[in-house]
Amino acid sequence: MPWTRDGKQLWSYLSKYKPHILSAYSVEDPNCIPGKMRWLRKEVGYTQNFMINIVRRREKKNFAMKGSDVGKRPAILIDDYPKNVQQFRAAGGMGIEHTSTSSTINQLKRFGF
């Protein structure tokens, strides 16, 4: 799968924060998880600088408080599926519905990034 039109710009902005990648997989496609891992290694140069979590869509909300240790803010989910963002927020996380790179970056700046 190719990058979206402005995906590299968003990754360039995010990568300095060593983000964790949270991506959903399809249970119907046995090549989904290996394919996502290949893409990440090739396109973002996967290193130990960030963690990759490939989960069922309904499990994304379980990561909402992963960054909520003392003195840290809740995790932020950037997702293009509104239901994921709503569930993540309901679980205590911060959510950004991704509609464009400029909008997502502006929201991240409001969160202090």
PDB file of N, CA and C in Angstrom:
ATOM      1  N   MET A   1       0.843  -1.170   0.000  1.00  0.00           N
ATOM      2  CA  MET A   1       0.000   0.000   0.000  1.00  0.00           C
ATOM      3  C   MET A   1       0.895   1.243   0.000  1.00  0.00           C
ATOM      4  N   PRO A   2       0.594   2.194  -0.838  1.00  0.00           N
ATOM      5  CA  PRO A   2       1.408   3.424  -0.871  1.00  0.00           C
ATOM      6  C   PRO A   2       1.041   4.371   0.276  1.00  0.00           C
ATOM      7  N   TRP A   3       1.932   5.323   0.527  1.00  0.00           N
ATOM      8  CA  TRP A   3       1.662   6.383   1.488  1.00  0.00           C
ATOM      9  C   TRP A   3       0.457   7.181   1.005  1.00  0.00           C
ATOM     10  N   THR A   4      -0.274   7.757   1.928  1.00  0.00           N
ATOM     11  CA  THR A   4      -1.305   8.714   1.543  1.00  0.00           C
ATOM     12  C   THR A   4      -0.599   9.983   1.065  1.00  0.00           C
ATOM     13  N   ARG A   5      -1.364  10.866   0.469  1.00  0.00           N
ATOM     14  CA  ARG A   5      -0.802  12.074  -0.142  1.00  0.00           C
ATOM     15  C   ARG A   5       0.114  12.846   0.808  1.00  0.00           C
ATOM     16  N   ASP A   6      -0.291  13.003   2.040  1.00  0.00           N
ATOM     17  CA  ASP A   6       0.515  13.773   2.997  1.00  0.00           C
ATOM     18  C   ASP A   6       0.950  12.943   4.209  1.00  0.00           C
ATOM     19  N   GLY A   7       0.945  11.621   4.053  1.00  0.00           N
ATOM     20  CA  GLY A   7       1.321  10.736   5.148  1.00  0.00           C
ATOM     21  C   GLY A   7       2.756  10.913   5.616  1.00  0.00           C
ATOM     22  N   LYS A   8       3.672  11.099   4.673  1.00  0.00           N
ATOM     23  CA  LYS A   8       5.084  11.271   5.066  1.00  0.00           C
ATOM     24  C   LYS A   8       5.286  12.554   5.864  1.00  0.00           C
ATOM     25  N   GLN A   9       4.519  13.580   5.530  1.00  0.00           N
ATOM     26  CA  GLN A   9       4.612  14.840   6.279  1.00  0.00           C
ATOM     27  C   GLN A   9       4.165  14.623   7.729  1.00  0.00           C
ATOM     28  N   LEU A  10       3.072  13.899   7.910  1.00  0.00           N
ATOM     29  CA  LEU A  10       2.596  13.621   9.266  1.00  0.00           C
ATOM     30  C   LEU A  10       3.606  12.758  10.022  1.00  0.00           C
ATOM     31  N   TRP A  11       4.138  11.733   9.371  1.00  0.00           N
ATOM     32  CA  TRP A  11       5.126  10.878  10.037  1.00  0.00           C
ATOM     33  C   TRP A  11       6.360  11.682  10.422  1.00  0.00           C
ATOM     34  N   SER A  12       6.784  12.577   9.565  1.00  0.00           N
ATOM     35  CA  SER A  12       7.948  13.418   9.865  1.00  0.00           C
ATOM     36  C   SER A  12       7.690  14.243  11.127  1.00  0.00           C
ATOM     37  N   TYR A  13       6.483  14.758  11.271  1.00  0.00           N
ATOM     38  CA  TYR A  13       6.137  15.545  12.450  1.00  0.00           C
ATOM     39  C   TYR A  13       6.090  14.663  13.702  1.00  0.00           C
ATOM     40  N   LEU A  14       5.506  13.479  13.571  1.00  0.00           N
ATOM     41  CA  LEU A  14       5.314  12.596  14.717  1.00  0.00           C
ATOM     42  C   LEU A  14       6.575  11.863  15.168  1.00  0.00           C
ATOM     43  N   SER A  15       7.416  11.485  14.234  1.00  0.00           N
ATOM     44  CA  SER A  15       8.511  10.563  14.531  1.00  0.00           C
ATOM     45  C   SER A  15       9.469  11.073  15.605  1.00  0.00           C
ATOM     46  N   LYS A  16       9.617  12.367  15.747  1.00  0.00           N
ATOM     47  CA  LYS A  16      10.523  12.901  16.774  1.00  0.00           C
ATOM     48  C   LYS A  16      10.023  12.617  18.193  1.00  0.00           C
ATOM     49  N   TYR A  17       8.750  12.258  18.327  1.00  0.00           N
ATOM     50  CA  TYR A  17       8.173  11.948  19.640  1.00  0.00           C
ATOM     51  C   TYR A  17       8.201  10.451  19.954  1.00  0.00           C
ATOM     52  N   LYS A  18       8.833   9.676  19.072  1.00  0.00           N
ATOM     53  CA  LYS A  18       8.937   8.217  19.241  1.00  0.00           C
ATOM     54  C   LYS A  18       7.557   7.603  19.510  1.00  0.00           C
ATOM     55  N   PRO A  19       6.650   7.785  18.570  1.00  0.00           N
ATOM     56  CA  PRO A  19       5.278   7.303  18.785  1.00  0.00           C
ATOM     57  C   PRO A  19       5.177   5.784  18.771  1.00  0.00           C
ATOM     58  N   HIS A  20       4.168   5.287  19.419  1.00  0.00           N
ATOM     59  CA  HIS A  20       3.817   3.880  19.324  1.00  0.00           C
ATOM     60  C   HIS A  20       2.809   3.759  18.190  1.00  0.00           C
ATOM     61  N   ILE A  21       2.887   2.710  17.450  1.00  0.00           N
ATOM     62  CA  ILE A  21       1.957   2.492  16.350  1.00  0.00           C
ATOM     63  C   ILE A  21       0.905   1.493  16.824  1.00  0.00           C
ATOM     64  N   LEU A  22      -0.345   1.892  16.675  1.00  0.00           N
ATOM     65  CA  LEU A  22      -1.476   1.053  17.054  1.00  0.00           C
ATOM     66  C   LEU A  22      -2.324   0.885  15.801  1.00  0.00           C
ATOM     67  N   SER A  23      -2.329  -0.302  15.275  1.00  0.00           N
ATOM     68  CA  SER A  23      -3.008  -0.561  14.010  1.00  0.00           C
ATOM     69  C   SER A  23      -3.898  -1.785  14.139  1.00  0.00           C
ATOM     70  N   ALA A  24      -5.047  -1.732  13.485  1.00  0.00           N
ATOM     71  CA  ALA A  24      -5.982  -2.859  13.524  1.00  0.00           C
ATOM     72  C   ALA A  24      -5.695  -3.814  12.371  1.00  0.00           C
ATOM     73  N   TYR A  25      -6.002  -5.072  12.609  1.00  0.00           N
ATOM     74  CA  TYR A  25      -5.815  -6.082  11.565  1.00  0.00           C
ATOM     75  C   TYR A  25      -7.130  -6.767  11.249  1.00  0.00           C
ATOM     76  N   SER A  26      -7.164  -7.386  10.111  1.00  0.00           N
ATOM     77  CA  SER A  26      -8.330  -8.131   9.666  1.00  0.00           C
ATOM     78  C   SER A  26      -8.122  -9.612   9.978  1.00  0.00           C
ATOM     79  N   VAL A  27      -9.082 -10.214  10.685  1.00  0.00           N
ATOM     80  CA  VAL A  27      -8.966 -11.638  10.995  1.00  0.00           C
ATOM     81  C   VAL A  27      -9.190 -12.494   9.751  1.00  0.00           C
ATOM     82  N   GLU A  28      -9.832 -11.937   8.742  1.00  0.00           N
ATOM     83  CA  GLU A  28     -10.095 -12.687   7.515  1.00  0.00           C
ATOM     84  C   GLU A  28      -8.870 -12.811   6.616  1.00  0.00           C
ATOM     85  N   ASP A  29      -7.875 -11.968   6.832  1.00  0.00           N
ATOM     86  CA  ASP A  29      -6.697 -11.948   5.959  1.00  0.00           C
ATOM     87  C   ASP A  29      -5.463 -12.413   6.739  1.00  0.00           C
ATOM     88  N   PRO A  30      -4.995 -13.643   6.498  1.00  0.00           N
ATOM     89  CA  PRO A  30      -3.822 -14.140   7.228  1.00  0.00           C
ATOM     90  C   PRO A  30      -2.536 -13.387   6.891  1.00  0.00           C
ATOM     91  N   ASN A  31      -2.543 -12.620   5.818  1.00  0.00           N
ATOM     92  CA  ASN A  31      -1.354 -11.850   5.430  1.00  0.00           C
ATOM     93  C   ASN A  31      -1.362 -10.439   5.995  1.00  0.00           C
ATOM     94  N   CYS A  32      -2.411 -10.068   6.699  1.00  0.00           N
ATOM     95  CA  CYS A  32      -2.550  -8.697   7.180  1.00  0.00           C
ATOM     96  C   CYS A  32      -1.413  -8.289   8.125  1.00  0.00           C
ATOM     97  N   ILE A  33      -1.211  -9.047   9.185  1.00  0.00           N
ATOM     98  CA  ILE A  33      -0.175  -8.669  10.163  1.00  0.00           C
ATOM     99  C   ILE A  33       1.217  -8.719   9.549  1.00  0.00           C
ATOM    100  N   PRO A  34       1.608  -9.806   8.859  1.00  0.00           N
ATOM    101  CA  PRO A  34       2.936  -9.804   8.237  1.00  0.00           C
ATOM    102  C   PRO A  34       3.091  -8.668   7.213  1.00  0.00           C
ATOM    103  N   GLY A  35       2.020  -8.374   6.492  1.00  0.00           N
ATOM    104  CA  GLY A  35       2.078  -7.291   5.508  1.00  0.00           C
ATOM    105  C   GLY A  35       2.277  -5.933   6.148  1.00  0.00           C
ATOM    106  N   LYS A  36       1.582  -5.682   7.247  1.00  0.00           N
ATOM    107  CA  LYS A  36       1.761  -4.405   7.955  1.00  0.00           C
ATOM    108  C   LYS A  36       3.181  -4.284   8.498  1.00  0.00           C
ATOM    109  N   MET A  37       3.712  -5.364   9.035  1.00  0.00           N
ATOM    110  CA  MET A  37       5.077  -5.327   9.572  1.00  0.00           C
ATOM    111  C   MET A  37       6.097  -5.078   8.455  1.00  0.00           C
ATOM    112  N   ARG A  38       5.924  -5.716   7.305  1.00  0.00           N
ATOM    113  CA  ARG A  38       6.833  -5.469   6.172  1.00  0.00           C
ATOM    114  C   ARG A  38       6.776  -4.010   5.742  1.00  0.00           C
ATOM    115  N   TRP A  39       5.567  -3.493   5.647  1.00  0.00           N
ATOM    116  CA  TRP A  39       5.392  -2.099   5.222  1.00  0.00           C
ATOM    117  C   TRP A  39       6.089  -1.165   6.209  1.00  0.00           C
ATOM    118  N   LEU A  40       5.882  -1.368   7.489  1.00  0.00           N
ATOM    119  CA  LEU A  40       6.506  -0.510   8.495  1.00  0.00           C
ATOM    120  C   LEU A  40       8.029  -0.570   8.426  1.00  0.00           C
ATOM    121  N   ARG A  41       8.593  -1.775   8.301  1.00  0.00           N
ATOM    122  CA  ARG A  41      10.057  -1.885   8.208  1.00  0.00           C
ATOM    123  C   ARG A  41      10.574  -1.135   6.983  1.00  0.00           C
ATOM    124  N   LYS A  42       9.878  -1.279   5.864  1.00  0.00           N
ATOM    125  CA  LYS A  42      10.323  -0.654   4.621  1.00  0.00           C
ATOM    126  C   LYS A  42      10.097   0.858   4.617  1.00  0.00           C
ATOM    127  N   GLU A  43       8.936   1.295   5.038  1.00  0.00           N
ATOM    128  CA  GLU A  43       8.537   2.696   4.861  1.00  0.00           C
ATOM    129  C   GLU A  43       8.903   3.628   6.009  1.00  0.00           C
ATOM    130  N   VAL A  44       8.895   3.145   7.239  1.00  0.00           N
ATOM    131  CA  VAL A  44       9.235   4.039   8.349  1.00  0.00           C
ATOM    132  C   VAL A  44      10.535   3.638   9.016  1.00  0.00           C
ATOM    133  N   GLY A  45      11.180   2.593   8.484  1.00  0.00           N
ATOM    134  CA  GLY A  45      12.474   2.198   9.022  1.00  0.00           C
ATOM    135  C   GLY A  45      12.372   1.745  10.456  1.00  0.00           C
ATOM    136  N   TYR A  46      11.446   0.836  10.713  1.00  0.00           N
ATOM    137  CA  TYR A  46      11.208   0.339  12.067  1.00  0.00           C
ATOM    138  C   TYR A  46      12.512   0.142  12.833  1.00  0.00           C
ATOM    139  N   THR A  47      12.551   0.718  14.012  1.00  0.00           N
ATOM    140  CA  THR A  47      13.682   0.542  14.929  1.00  0.00           C
ATOM    141  C   THR A  47      13.103   0.295  16.313  1.00  0.00           C
ATOM    142  N   GLN A  48      13.934   0.220  17.291  1.00  0.00           N
ATOM    143  CA  GLN A  48      13.479   0.065  18.670  1.00  0.00           C
ATOM    144  C   GLN A  48      12.987   1.387  19.257  1.00  0.00           C
ATOM    145  N   ASN A  49      12.981   2.462  18.449  1.00  0.00           N
ATOM    146  CA  ASN A  49      12.556   3.766  18.952  1.00  0.00           C
ATOM    147  C   ASN A  49      11.059   3.872  19.174  1.00  0.00           C
ATOM    148  N   PHE A  50      10.299   2.960  18.615  1.00  0.00           N
ATOM    149  CA  PHE A  50       8.865   2.999  18.845  1.00  0.00           C
ATOM    150  C   PHE A  50       8.312   1.584  18.874  1.00  0.00           C
ATOM    151  N   MET A  51       7.167   1.454  19.496  1.00  0.00           N
ATOM    152  CA  MET A  51       6.546   0.145  19.657  1.00  0.00           C
ATOM    153  C   MET A  51       5.426  -0.010  18.632  1.00  0.00           C
ATOM    154  N   ILE A  52       5.238  -1.224  18.164  1.00  0.00           N
ATOM    155  CA  ILE A  52       4.161  -1.524  17.228  1.00  0.00           C
ATOM    156  C   ILE A  52       3.184  -2.470  17.916  1.00  0.00           C
ATOM    157  N   ASN A  53       1.922  -2.095  17.914  1.00  0.00           N
ATOM    158  CA  ASN A  53       0.856  -2.928  18.459  1.00  0.00           C
ATOM    159  C   ASN A  53      -0.167  -3.129  17.349  1.00  0.00           C
ATOM    160  N   ILE A  54      -0.308  -4.356  16.895  1.00  0.00           N
ATOM    161  CA  ILE A  54      -1.304  -4.664  15.879  1.00  0.00           C
ATOM    162  C   ILE A  54      -2.379  -5.489  16.574  1.00  0.00           C
ATOM    163  N   VAL A  55      -3.574  -4.901  16.678  1.00  0.00           N
ATOM    164  CA  VAL A  55      -4.639  -5.456  17.501  1.00  0.00           C
ATOM    165  C   VAL A  55      -5.958  -5.486  16.726  1.00  0.00           C
ATOM    166  N   ARG A  56      -6.949  -6.117  17.312  1.00  0.00           N
ATOM    167  CA  ARG A  56      -8.304  -6.035  16.759  1.00  0.00           C
ATOM    168  C   ARG A  56      -8.794  -4.604  16.956  1.00  0.00           C
ATOM    169  N   ARG A  57      -9.631  -4.124  16.064  1.00  0.00           N
ATOM    170  CA  ARG A  57     -10.117  -2.749  16.147  1.00  0.00           C
ATOM    171  C   ARG A  57     -10.727  -2.461  17.513  1.00  0.00           C
ATOM    172  N   ARG A  58     -11.506  -3.372  18.027  1.00  0.00           N
ATOM    173  CA  ARG A  58     -12.195  -3.143  19.300  1.00  0.00           C
ATOM    174  C   ARG A  58     -11.235  -3.069  20.493  1.00  0.00           C
ATOM    175  N   GLU A  59      -9.984  -3.461  20.307  1.00  0.00           N
ATOM    176  CA  GLU A  59      -9.006  -3.436  21.395  1.00  0.00           C
ATOM    177  C   GLU A  59      -8.250  -2.108  21.494  1.00  0.00           C
ATOM    178  N   LYS A  60      -8.398  -1.241  20.511  1.00  0.00           N
ATOM    179  CA  LYS A  60      -7.646   0.017  20.540  1.00  0.00           C
ATOM    180  C   LYS A  60      -7.914   0.819  21.811  1.00  0.00           C
ATOM    181  N   LYS A  61      -9.151   0.830  22.265  1.00  0.00           N
ATOM    182  CA  LYS A  61      -9.503   1.605  23.464  1.00  0.00           C
ATOM    183  C   LYS A  61      -8.731   1.151  24.699  1.00  0.00           C
ATOM    184  N   ASN A  62      -8.249  -0.089  24.689  1.00  0.00           N
ATOM    185  CA  ASN A  62      -7.499  -0.608  25.839  1.00  0.00           C
ATOM    186  C   ASN A  62      -6.142   0.067  26.013  1.00  0.00           C
ATOM    187  N   PHE A  63      -5.710   0.837  25.030  1.00  0.00           N
ATOM    188  CA  PHE A  63      -4.423   1.521  25.090  1.00  0.00           C
ATOM    189  C   PHE A  63      -4.562   2.976  25.545  1.00  0.00           C
ATOM    190  N   ALA A  64      -5.764   3.408  25.873  1.00  0.00           N
ATOM    191  CA  ALA A  64      -6.024   4.810  26.207  1.00  0.00           C
ATOM    192  C   ALA A  64      -5.207   5.311  27.386  1.00  0.00           C
ATOM    193  N   MET A  65      -4.976   4.490  28.376  1.00  0.00           N
ATOM    194  CA  MET A  65      -4.280   4.940  29.578  1.00  0.00           C
ATOM    195  C   MET A  65      -2.864   4.396  29.670  1.00  0.00           C
ATOM    196  N   LYS A  66      -2.306   3.907  28.589  1.00  0.00           N
ATOM    197  CA  LYS A  66      -0.953   3.337  28.608  1.00  0.00           C
ATOM    198  C   LYS A  66       0.101   4.370  29.007  1.00  0.00           C
ATOM    199  N   GLY A  67      -0.152   5.654  28.722  1.00  0.00           N
ATOM    200  CA  GLY A  67       0.817   6.686  29.086  1.00  0.00           C
ATOM    201  C   GLY A  67       0.433   7.435  30.332  1.00  0.00           C
ATOM    202  N   SER A  68      -0.475   6.891  31.129  1.00  0.00           N
ATOM    203  CA  SER A  68      -1.031   7.661  32.237  1.00  0.00           C
ATOM    204  C   SER A  68      -0.316   7.448  33.573  1.00  0.00           C
ATOM    205  N   ASP A  69       0.896   6.962  33.545  1.00  0.00           N
ATOM    206  CA  ASP A  69       1.654   6.843  34.788  1.00  0.00           C
ATOM    207  C   ASP A  69       1.776   8.227  35.437  1.00  0.00           C
ATOM    208  N   VAL A  70       2.175   8.257  36.683  1.00  0.00           N
ATOM    209  CA  VAL A  70       2.279   9.513  37.413  1.00  0.00           C
ATOM    210  C   VAL A  70       3.086  10.533  36.607  1.00  0.00           C
ATOM    211  N   GLY A  71       2.494  11.706  36.430  1.00  0.00           N
ATOM    212  CA  GLY A  71       3.178  12.784  35.731  1.00  0.00           C
ATOM    213  C   GLY A  71       3.103  12.709  34.211  1.00  0.00           C
ATOM    214  N   LYS A  72       2.444  11.702  33.673  1.00  0.00           N
ATOM    215  CA  LYS A  72       2.327  11.595  32.227  1.00  0.00           C
ATOM    216  C   LYS A  72       0.881  11.769  31.818  1.00  0.00           C
ATOM    217  N   ARG A  73       0.688  12.225  30.601  1.00  0.00           N
ATOM    218  CA  ARG A  73      -0.678  12.393  30.099  1.00  0.00           C
ATOM    219  C   ARG A  73      -1.172  11.087  29.483  1.00  0.00           C
ATOM    220  N   PRO A  74      -2.477  10.959  29.321  1.00  0.00           N
ATOM    221  CA  PRO A  74      -3.010   9.767  28.659  1.00  0.00           C
ATOM    222  C   PRO A  74      -2.482   9.662  27.234  1.00  0.00           C
ATOM    223  N   ALA A  75      -2.599   8.491  26.680  1.00  0.00           N
ATOM    224  CA  ALA A  75      -2.169   8.274  25.303  1.00  0.00           C
ATOM    225  C   ALA A  75      -3.061   9.056  24.345  1.00  0.00           C
ATOM    226  N   ILE A  76      -2.518   9.349  23.172  1.00  0.00           N
ATOM    227  CA  ILE A  76      -3.266  10.034  22.114  1.00  0.00           C
ATOM    228  C   ILE A  76      -3.410   9.074  20.943  1.00  0.00           C
ATOM    229  N   LEU A  77      -4.642   8.906  20.489  1.00  0.00           N
ATOM    230  CA  LEU A  77      -4.909   8.094  19.312  1.00  0.00           C
ATOM    231  C   LEU A  77      -5.212   9.015  18.148  1.00  0.00           C
ATOM    232  N   ILE A  78      -4.509   8.805  17.045  1.00  0.00           N
ATOM    233  CA  ILE A  78      -4.816   9.484  15.788  1.00  0.00           C
ATOM    234  C   ILE A  78      -5.407   8.416  14.888  1.00  0.00           C
ATOM    235  N   ASP A  79      -6.660   8.588  14.503  1.00  0.00           N
ATOM    236  CA  ASP A  79      -7.354   7.537  13.762  1.00  0.00           C
ATOM    237  C   ASP A  79      -8.361   8.175  12.802  1.00  0.00           C
ATOM    238  N   ASP A  80      -8.526   7.545  11.652  1.00  0.00           N
ATOM    239  CA  ASP A  80      -9.482   8.077  10.685  1.00  0.00           C
ATOM    240  C   ASP A  80     -10.879   7.475  10.835  1.00  0.00           C
ATOM    241  N   TYR A  81     -11.058   6.599  11.790  1.00  0.00           N
ATOM    242  CA  TYR A  81     -12.356   5.973  12.028  1.00  0.00           C
ATOM    243  C   TYR A  81     -12.957   6.594  13.292  1.00  0.00           C
ATOM    244  N   PRO A  82     -14.027   7.401  13.137  1.00  0.00           N
ATOM    245  CA  PRO A  82     -14.575   8.134  14.288  1.00  0.00           C
ATOM    246  C   PRO A  82     -14.923   7.260  15.488  1.00  0.00           C
ATOM    247  N   LYS A  83     -15.434   6.063  15.271  1.00  0.00           N
ATOM    248  CA  LYS A  83     -15.815   5.193  16.396  1.00  0.00           C
ATOM    249  C   LYS A  83     -14.599   4.841  17.248  1.00  0.00           C
ATOM    250  N   ASN A  84     -13.435   4.614  16.623  1.00  0.00           N
ATOM    251  CA  ASN A  84     -12.220   4.325  17.387  1.00  0.00           C
ATOM    252  C   ASN A  84     -11.863   5.495  18.287  1.00  0.00           C
ATOM    253  N   VAL A  85     -11.950   6.703  17.740  1.00  0.00           N
ATOM    254  CA  VAL A  85     -11.607   7.906  18.507  1.00  0.00           C
ATOM    255  C   VAL A  85     -12.574   8.084  19.667  1.00  0.00           C
ATOM    256  N   GLN A  86     -13.865   7.900  19.414  1.00  0.00           N
ATOM    257  CA  GLN A  86     -14.869   8.041  20.476  1.00  0.00           C
ATOM    258  C   GLN A  86     -14.634   7.030  21.595  1.00  0.00           C
ATOM    259  N   GLN A  87     -14.383   5.776  21.247  1.00  0.00           N
ATOM    260  CA  GLN A  87     -14.151   4.744  22.262  1.00  0.00           C
ATOM    261  C   GLN A  87     -12.870   5.008  23.038  1.00  0.00           C
ATOM    262  N   PHE A  88     -11.850   5.501  22.369  1.00  0.00           N
ATOM    263  CA  PHE A  88     -10.577   5.804  23.009  1.00  0.00           C
ATOM    264  C   PHE A  88     -10.756   6.925  24.033  1.00  0.00           C
ATOM    265  N   ARG A  89     -11.486   7.960  23.640  1.00  0.00           N
ATOM    266  CA  ARG A  89     -11.759   9.065  24.563  1.00  0.00           C
ATOM    267  C   ARG A  89     -12.586   8.593  25.758  1.00  0.00           C
ATOM    268  N   ALA A  90     -13.596   7.764  25.499  1.00  0.00           N
ATOM    269  CA  ALA A  90     -14.447   7.257  26.571  1.00  0.00           C
ATOM    270  C   ALA A  90     -13.647   6.425  27.574  1.00  0.00           C
ATOM    271  N   ALA A  91     -12.554   5.818  27.109  1.00  0.00           N
ATOM    272  CA  ALA A  91     -11.696   5.009  27.986  1.00  0.00           C
ATOM    273  C   ALA A  91     -10.635   5.855  28.692  1.00  0.00           C
ATOM    274  N   GLY A  92     -10.669   7.181  28.503  1.00  0.00           N
ATOM    275  CA  GLY A  92      -9.753   8.070  29.214  1.00  0.00           C
ATOM    276  C   GLY A  92      -8.607   8.612  28.404  1.00  0.00           C
ATOM    277  N   GLY A  93      -8.503   8.227  27.151  1.00  0.00           N
ATOM    278  CA  GLY A  93      -7.425   8.715  26.299  1.00  0.00           C
ATOM    279  C   GLY A  93      -7.794  10.008  25.586  1.00  0.00           C
ATOM    280  N   MET A  94      -6.850  10.514  24.859  1.00  0.00           N
ATOM    281  CA  MET A  94      -7.062  11.701  24.031  1.00  0.00           C
ATOM    282  C   MET A  94      -7.137  11.209  22.589  1.00  0.00           C
ATOM    283  N   GLY A  95      -8.089  11.733  21.832  1.00  0.00           N
ATOM    284  CA  GLY A  95      -8.261  11.241  20.472  1.00  0.00           C
ATOM    285  C   GLY A  95      -8.315  12.350  19.449  1.00  0.00           C
ATOM    286  N   ILE A  96      -7.717  12.080  18.301  1.00  0.00           N
ATOM    287  CA  ILE A  96      -7.752  13.000  17.175  1.00  0.00           C
ATOM    288  C   ILE A  96      -8.317  12.231  15.986  1.00  0.00           C
ATOM    289  N   GLU A  97      -9.430  12.719  15.452  1.00  0.00           N
ATOM    290  CA  GLU A  97      -9.970  12.116  14.238  1.00  0.00           C
ATOM    291  C   GLU A  97      -9.197  12.688  13.054  1.00  0.00           C
ATOM    292  N   HIS A  98      -8.445  11.831  12.405  1.00  0.00           N
ATOM    293  CA  HIS A  98      -7.583  12.272  11.301  1.00  0.00           C
ATOM    294  C   HIS A  98      -8.408  12.482  10.037  1.00  0.00           C
ATOM    295  N   THR A  99      -8.471  13.733   9.601  1.00  0.00           N
ATOM    296  CA  THR A  99      -9.121  14.061   8.330  1.00  0.00           C
ATOM    297  C   THR A  99      -8.117  14.647   7.352  1.00  0.00           C
ATOM    298  N   SER A 100      -7.073  15.271   7.881  1.00  0.00           N
ATOM    299  CA  SER A 100      -5.986  15.806   7.054  1.00  0.00           C
ATOM    300  C   SER A 100      -4.763  15.993   7.936  1.00  0.00           C
ATOM    301  N   THR A 101      -3.598  16.011   7.311  1.00  0.00           N
ATOM    302  CA  THR A 101      -2.370  16.195   8.078  1.00  0.00           C
ATOM    303  C   THR A 101      -2.346  17.551   8.763  1.00  0.00           C
ATOM    304  N   SER A 102      -2.745  18.603   8.072  1.00  0.00           N
ATOM    305  CA  SER A 102      -2.696  19.932   8.693  1.00  0.00           C
ATOM    306  C   SER A 102      -3.614  20.007   9.911  1.00  0.00           C
ATOM    307  N   SER A 103      -4.811  19.436   9.820  1.00  0.00           N
ATOM    308  CA  SER A 103      -5.726  19.441  10.953  1.00  0.00           C
ATOM    309  C   SER A 103      -5.156  18.628  12.122  1.00  0.00           C
ATOM    310  N   THR A 104      -4.601  17.459  11.833  1.00  0.00           N
ATOM    311  CA  THR A 104      -4.040  16.613  12.890  1.00  0.00           C
ATOM    312  C   THR A 104      -2.863  17.302  13.569  1.00  0.00           C
ATOM    313  N   ILE A 105      -1.972  17.901  12.792  1.00  0.00           N
ATOM    314  CA  ILE A 105      -0.826  18.607  13.378  1.00  0.00           C
ATOM    315  C   ILE A 105      -1.296  19.774  14.240  1.00  0.00           C
ATOM    316  N   ASN A 106      -2.297  20.522  13.783  1.00  0.00           N
ATOM    317  CA  ASN A 106      -2.821  21.634  14.586  1.00  0.00           C
ATOM    318  C   ASN A 106      -3.384  21.139  15.919  1.00  0.00           C
ATOM    319  N   GLN A 107      -4.086  20.020  15.895  1.00  0.00           N
ATOM    320  CA  GLN A 107      -4.621  19.465  17.140  1.00  0.00           C
ATOM    321  C   GLN A 107      -3.490  18.983  18.052  1.00  0.00           C
ATOM    322  N   LEU A 108      -2.461  18.356  17.463  1.00  0.00           N
ATOM    323  CA  LEU A 108      -1.316  17.937  18.269  1.00  0.00           C
ATOM    324  C   LEU A 108      -0.637  19.136  18.919  1.00  0.00           C
ATOM    325  N   LYS A 109      -0.526  20.233  18.216  1.00  0.00           N
ATOM    326  CA  LYS A 109       0.079  21.451  18.783  1.00  0.00           C
ATOM    327  C   LYS A 109      -0.752  21.952  19.971  1.00  0.00           C
ATOM    328  N   ARG A 110      -2.073  21.844  19.873  1.00  0.00           N
ATOM    329  CA  ARG A 110      -2.940  22.254  20.985  1.00  0.00           C
ATOM    330  C   ARG A 110      -2.718  21.350  22.204  1.00  0.00           C
ATOM    331  N   PHE A 111      -2.335  20.091  21.961  1.00  0.00           N
ATOM    332  CA  PHE A 111      -2.033  19.162  23.060  1.00  0.00           C
ATOM    333  C   PHE A 111      -0.600  19.335  23.569  1.00  0.00           C
ATOM    334  N   GLY A 112       0.160  20.248  22.973  1.00  0.00           N
ATOM    335  CA  GLY A 112       1.513  20.508  23.446  1.00  0.00           C
ATOM    336  C   GLY A 112       2.609  19.812  22.686  1.00  0.00           C
ATOM    337  N   PHE A 113       2.337  19.325  21.498  1.00  0.00           N
ATOM    338  CA  PHE A 113       3.342  18.653  20.679  1.00  0.00           C
ATOM    339  C   PHE A 113       3.740  19.524  19.509  1.00  0.00           C
TER     340      PHE A 113
END
